[in-house]
Amino acid sequence: MKQRVDEATPETYGDVFDRFERDGIRYAAISGTAVVLHGHVRPIADLDVVIDPAPEQAARALRSLAGLGFVAGLPLPLSMLTVLRMFDHAEREVDVFVRYHIPFGRLWADSRQVRVGNGVARIVSLQHLLQAKRINGRPHDLADIAGLLALGNAP
């Protein structure tokens, strides 16, 4: 039975995390997945990741996703985009960011690995997650901020 998008969890993307880790991809999960992995439980619709924008790293990340069956919704080179939406045959969505509110070097330096199922995923720091959510300021971002702050782990 196919999992509905609104029922996705970080484990739904375990194969993506495993592939990125195996292939040595420099990435960090952001948005809803990072919110959940920081402890605020709420539904997620997709996986958002920021990747190292260095050309070889970005190309390797796209090859990793293609190896899992993901294809670009709009086939343009990453150099022309901020985010590339990719989909697989199961209708899972991975949004690949090559530009983000916080420079990749800072995101990477402060990111950490967390357990997801039988594997690990790299997520942005809570400080960077809150910063990005404040910048975006959409209603669901504000709800995420409130949920994360209610956990009492905020910097």
C-alpha atoms as a PDB file:
ATOM      1  CA  MET A   1       0.000   0.000   0.000  1.00  0.00           C
ATOM      2  CA  LYS A   2       1.371   3.414  -0.975  1.00  0.00           C
ATOM      3  CA  GLN A   3       1.947   5.847   1.891  1.00  0.00           C
ATOM      4  CA  ARG A   4       0.025   9.094   1.538  1.00  0.00           C
ATOM      5  CA  VAL A   5       2.184  12.199   1.309  1.00  0.00           C
ATOM      6  CA  ASP A   6       0.571  13.780   4.369  1.00  0.00           C
ATOM      7  CA  GLU A   7       1.524  10.664   6.356  1.00  0.00           C
ATOM      8  CA  ALA A   8       5.229  10.872   5.526  1.00  0.00           C
ATOM      9  CA  THR A   9       7.796  10.640   8.299  1.00  0.00           C
ATOM     10  CA  PRO A  10      11.570  10.993   8.276  1.00  0.00           C
ATOM     11  CA  GLU A  11      11.691   7.188   7.936  1.00  0.00           C
ATOM     12  CA  THR A  12       9.846   7.555   4.613  1.00  0.00           C
ATOM     13  CA  TYR A  13      13.114   9.008   3.300  1.00  0.00           C
ATOM     14  CA  GLY A  14      15.451   6.585   5.065  1.00  0.00           C
ATOM     15  CA  ASP A  15      16.787   5.303   1.742  1.00  0.00           C
ATOM     16  CA  VAL A  16      17.708   8.868   0.732  1.00  0.00           C
ATOM     17  CA  PHE A  17      19.588   9.462   3.979  1.00  0.00           C
ATOM     18  CA  ASP A  18      21.315   6.086   3.662  1.00  0.00           C
ATOM     19  CA  ARG A  19      22.368   6.837   0.084  1.00  0.00           C
ATOM     20  CA  PHE A  20      23.634  10.319   0.943  1.00  0.00           C
ATOM     21  CA  GLU A  21      25.629   8.935   3.868  1.00  0.00           C
ATOM     22  CA  ARG A  22      27.027   6.052   1.804  1.00  0.00           C
ATOM     23  CA  ASP A  23      27.965   8.370  -1.066  1.00  0.00           C
ATOM     24  CA  GLY A  24      29.572  10.971   1.223  1.00  0.00           C
ATOM     25  CA  ILE A  25      27.163  13.736   0.216  1.00  0.00           C
ATOM     26  CA  ARG A  26      27.454  16.949   2.215  1.00  0.00           C
ATOM     27  CA  TYR A  27      23.842  17.819   3.048  1.00  0.00           C
ATOM     28  CA  ALA A  28      21.602  18.831   5.898  1.00  0.00           C
ATOM     29  CA  ALA A  29      17.879  18.182   6.240  1.00  0.00           C
ATOM     30  CA  ILE A  30      15.851  21.321   6.883  1.00  0.00           C
ATOM     31  CA  SER A  31      12.196  22.333   7.249  1.00  0.00           C
ATOM     32  CA  GLY A  32       9.586  19.835   8.426  1.00  0.00           C
ATOM     33  CA  THR A  33      11.884  16.832   8.574  1.00  0.00           C
ATOM     34  CA  ALA A  34      14.353  18.744  10.753  1.00  0.00           C
ATOM     35  CA  VAL A  35      11.477  19.979  12.933  1.00  0.00           C
ATOM     36  CA  VAL A  36      10.364  16.384  13.542  1.00  0.00           C
ATOM     37  CA  LEU A  37      13.912  15.152  14.133  1.00  0.00           C
ATOM     38  CA  HIS A  38      14.433  17.947  16.665  1.00  0.00           C
ATOM     39  CA  GLY A  39      11.465  16.549  18.576  1.00  0.00           C
ATOM     40  CA  HIS A  40       8.317  18.446  17.540  1.00  0.00           C
ATOM     41  CA  VAL A  41       6.035  15.820  16.044  1.00  0.00           C
ATOM     42  CA  ARG A  42       3.957  16.982  13.103  1.00  0.00           C
ATOM     43  CA  PRO A  43       3.203  15.697   9.607  1.00  0.00           C
ATOM     44  CA  ILE A  44       5.664  16.248   6.786  1.00  0.00           C
ATOM     45  CA  ALA A  45       4.893  16.332   3.081  1.00  0.00           C
ATOM     46  CA  ASP A  46       8.377  16.047   1.610  1.00  0.00           C
ATOM     47  CA  LEU A  47      12.085  16.069   2.341  1.00  0.00           C
ATOM     48  CA  ASP A  48      13.917  19.370   2.079  1.00  0.00           C
ATOM     49  CA  VAL A  49      17.714  19.243   2.026  1.00  0.00           C
ATOM     50  CA  VAL A  50      20.402  21.835   1.534  1.00  0.00           C
ATOM     51  CA  ILE A  51      23.382  20.419  -0.337  1.00  0.00           C
ATOM     52  CA  ASP A  52      26.916  21.650  -0.698  1.00  0.00           C
ATOM     53  CA  PRO A  53      26.715  23.936  -3.752  1.00  0.00           C
ATOM     54  CA  ALA A  54      30.244  23.097  -4.910  1.00  0.00           C
ATOM     55  CA  PRO A  55      29.740  21.766  -8.462  1.00  0.00           C
ATOM     56  CA  GLU A  56      31.182  18.274  -7.836  1.00  0.00           C
ATOM     57  CA  GLN A  57      29.242  17.864  -4.575  1.00  0.00           C
ATOM     58  CA  ALA A  58      25.996  19.042  -6.168  1.00  0.00           C
ATOM     59  CA  ALA A  59      26.475  16.705  -9.135  1.00  0.00           C
ATOM     60  CA  ARG A  60      27.147  13.771  -6.782  1.00  0.00           C
ATOM     61  CA  ALA A  61      23.994  14.566  -4.787  1.00  0.00           C
ATOM     62  CA  LEU A  62      21.885  14.576  -7.938  1.00  0.00           C
ATOM     63  CA  ARG A  63      23.450  11.287  -9.081  1.00  0.00           C
ATOM     64  CA  SER A  64      22.625   9.769  -5.688  1.00  0.00           C
ATOM     65  CA  LEU A  65      18.998  10.837  -5.982  1.00  0.00           C
ATOM     66  CA  ALA A  66      18.786   9.664  -9.594  1.00  0.00           C
ATOM     67  CA  GLY A  67      20.132   6.300  -8.456  1.00  0.00           C
ATOM     68  CA  LEU A  68      17.101   6.051  -6.168  1.00  0.00           C
ATOM     69  CA  GLY A  69      14.734   6.869  -9.027  1.00  0.00           C
ATOM     70  CA  PHE A  70      14.205  10.590  -8.384  1.00  0.00           C
ATOM     71  CA  VAL A  71      13.802  12.848 -11.410  1.00  0.00           C
ATOM     72  CA  ALA A  72      13.620  16.611 -11.593  1.00  0.00           C
ATOM     73  CA  GLY A  73      10.180  18.147 -11.909  1.00  0.00           C
ATOM     74  CA  LEU A  74      11.730  20.873 -14.056  1.00  0.00           C
ATOM     75  CA  PRO A  75      14.990  19.725 -15.665  1.00  0.00           C
ATOM     76  CA  LEU A  76      17.168  22.804 -15.285  1.00  0.00           C
ATOM     77  CA  PRO A  77      20.790  22.987 -14.148  1.00  0.00           C
ATOM     78  CA  LEU A  78      21.264  23.685 -10.439  1.00  0.00           C
ATOM     79  CA  SER A  79      23.265  26.804 -11.289  1.00  0.00           C
ATOM     80  CA  MET A  80      20.001  28.407 -12.486  1.00  0.00           C
ATOM     81  CA  LEU A  81      17.962  27.468  -9.417  1.00  0.00           C
ATOM     82  CA  THR A  82      17.574  28.002  -5.723  1.00  0.00           C
ATOM     83  CA  VAL A  83      15.705  24.738  -5.247  1.00  0.00           C
ATOM     84  CA  LEU A  84      15.191  21.708  -7.485  1.00  0.00           C
ATOM     85  CA  ARG A  85      12.075  19.611  -6.859  1.00  0.00           C
ATOM     86  CA  MET A  86      12.562  15.934  -7.534  1.00  0.00           C
ATOM     87  CA  PHE A  87      10.000  13.106  -7.491  1.00  0.00           C
ATOM     88  CA  ASP A  88      10.168   9.323  -7.580  1.00  0.00           C
ATOM     89  CA  HIS A  89       7.738   6.651  -8.816  1.00  0.00           C
ATOM     90  CA  ALA A  90       6.133   6.496  -5.346  1.00  0.00           C
ATOM     91  CA  GLU A  91       5.388  10.247  -5.632  1.00  0.00           C
ATOM     92  CA  ARG A  92       7.809  11.129  -2.858  1.00  0.00           C
ATOM     93  CA  GLU A  93       9.254  14.616  -3.178  1.00  0.00           C
ATOM     94  CA  VAL A  94      12.757  15.789  -2.344  1.00  0.00           C
ATOM     95  CA  ASP A  95      13.446  19.512  -2.602  1.00  0.00           C
ATOM     96  CA  VAL A  96      17.165  20.106  -3.143  1.00  0.00           C
ATOM     97  CA  PHE A  97      18.326  23.578  -2.115  1.00  0.00           C
ATOM     98  CA  VAL A  98      21.602  24.934  -3.462  1.00  0.00           C
ATOM     99  CA  ARG A  99      20.983  28.402  -2.019  1.00  0.00           C
ATOM    100  CA  TYR A 100      19.540  28.980   1.409  1.00  0.00           C
ATOM    101  CA  HIS A 101      19.058  31.677   4.049  1.00  0.00           C
ATOM    102  CA  ILE A 102      22.161  30.495   5.861  1.00  0.00           C
ATOM    103  CA  PRO A 103      25.380  29.776   3.935  1.00  0.00           C
ATOM    104  CA  PHE A 104      26.039  26.064   3.510  1.00  0.00           C
ATOM    105  CA  GLY A 105      29.385  26.170   5.311  1.00  0.00           C
ATOM    106  CA  ARG A 106      27.714  27.438   8.486  1.00  0.00           C
ATOM    107  CA  LEU A 107      24.836  24.954   8.167  1.00  0.00           C
ATOM    108  CA  TRP A 108      27.254  22.066   7.716  1.00  0.00           C
ATOM    109  CA  ALA A 109      29.557  23.101  10.557  1.00  0.00           C
ATOM    110  CA  ASP A 110      26.687  23.208  13.055  1.00  0.00           C
ATOM    111  CA  SER A 111      24.675  20.252  11.705  1.00  0.00           C
ATOM    112  CA  ARG A 112      24.538  16.908  13.476  1.00  0.00           C
ATOM    113  CA  GLN A 113      23.635  13.324  12.769  1.00  0.00           C
ATOM    114  CA  VAL A 114      20.533  11.795  14.349  1.00  0.00           C
ATOM    115  CA  ARG A 115      19.108   8.300  14.249  1.00  0.00           C
ATOM    116  CA  VAL A 116      16.360   7.669  11.671  1.00  0.00           C
ATOM    117  CA  GLY A 117      15.130   4.091  11.676  1.00  0.00           C
ATOM    118  CA  ASN A 118      18.175   1.870  11.276  1.00  0.00           C
ATOM    119  CA  GLY A 119      20.283   4.652   9.800  1.00  0.00           C
ATOM    120  CA  VAL A 120      21.246   8.248  10.373  1.00  0.00           C
ATOM    121  CA  ALA A 121      20.365  11.596   8.876  1.00  0.00           C
ATOM    122  CA  ARG A 122      22.182  14.884   9.099  1.00  0.00           C
ATOM    123  CA  ILE A 123      19.999  17.787  10.259  1.00  0.00           C
ATOM    124  CA  VAL A 124      20.539  21.502  10.685  1.00  0.00           C
ATOM    125  CA  SER A 125      21.142  22.809  14.171  1.00  0.00           C
ATOM    126  CA  LEU A 126      18.145  23.941  16.167  1.00  0.00           C
ATOM    127  CA  GLN A 127      19.495  27.491  16.107  1.00  0.00           C
ATOM    128  CA  HIS A 128      19.667  27.518  12.293  1.00  0.00           C
ATOM    129  CA  LEU A 129      16.275  25.839  11.987  1.00  0.00           C
ATOM    130  CA  LEU A 130      14.660  28.489  14.179  1.00  0.00           C
ATOM    131  CA  GLN A 131      16.475  31.254  12.284  1.00  0.00           C
ATOM    132  CA  ALA A 132      15.190  29.995   8.918  1.00  0.00           C
ATOM    133  CA  LYS A 133      11.662  29.532  10.271  1.00  0.00           C
ATOM    134  CA  ARG A 134      11.687  33.128  11.572  1.00  0.00           C
ATOM    135  CA  ILE A 135      12.898  34.431   8.212  1.00  0.00           C
ATOM    136  CA  ASN A 136      10.158  32.542   6.342  1.00  0.00           C
ATOM    137  CA  GLY A 137       7.494  33.587   8.860  1.00  0.00           C
ATOM    138  CA  ARG A 138       4.631  31.638   7.290  1.00  0.00           C
ATOM    139  CA  PRO A 139       1.860  30.408   9.621  1.00  0.00           C
ATOM    140  CA  HIS A 140       3.228  26.844   9.696  1.00  0.00           C
ATOM    141  CA  ASP A 141       6.743  28.195  10.362  1.00  0.00           C
ATOM    142  CA  LEU A 142       5.439  30.144  13.350  1.00  0.00           C
ATOM    143  CA  ALA A 143       3.632  27.017  14.595  1.00  0.00           C
ATOM    144  CA  ASP A 144       6.881  25.043  14.219  1.00  0.00           C
ATOM    145  CA  ILE A 145       8.779  27.682  16.196  1.00  0.00           C
ATOM    146  CA  ALA A 146       6.196  27.548  18.989  1.00  0.00           C
ATOM    147  CA  GLY A 147       6.310  23.740  19.031  1.00  0.00           C
ATOM    148  CA  LEU A 148      10.098  23.628  19.106  1.00  0.00           C
ATOM    149  CA  LEU A 149      10.366  26.291  21.814  1.00  0.00           C
ATOM    150  CA  ALA A 150       7.783  24.436  23.917  1.00  0.00           C
ATOM    151  CA  LEU A 151      10.215  21.498  24.072  1.00  0.00           C
ATOM    152  CA  GLY A 152      12.590  23.677  26.110  1.00  0.00           C
ATOM    153  CA  ASN A 153      15.688  22.826  24.070  1.00  0.00           C
ATOM    154  CA  ALA A 154      16.039  26.131  22.228  1.00  0.00           C
ATOM    155  CA  PRO A 155      19.337  28.033  22.363  1.00  0.00           C
END
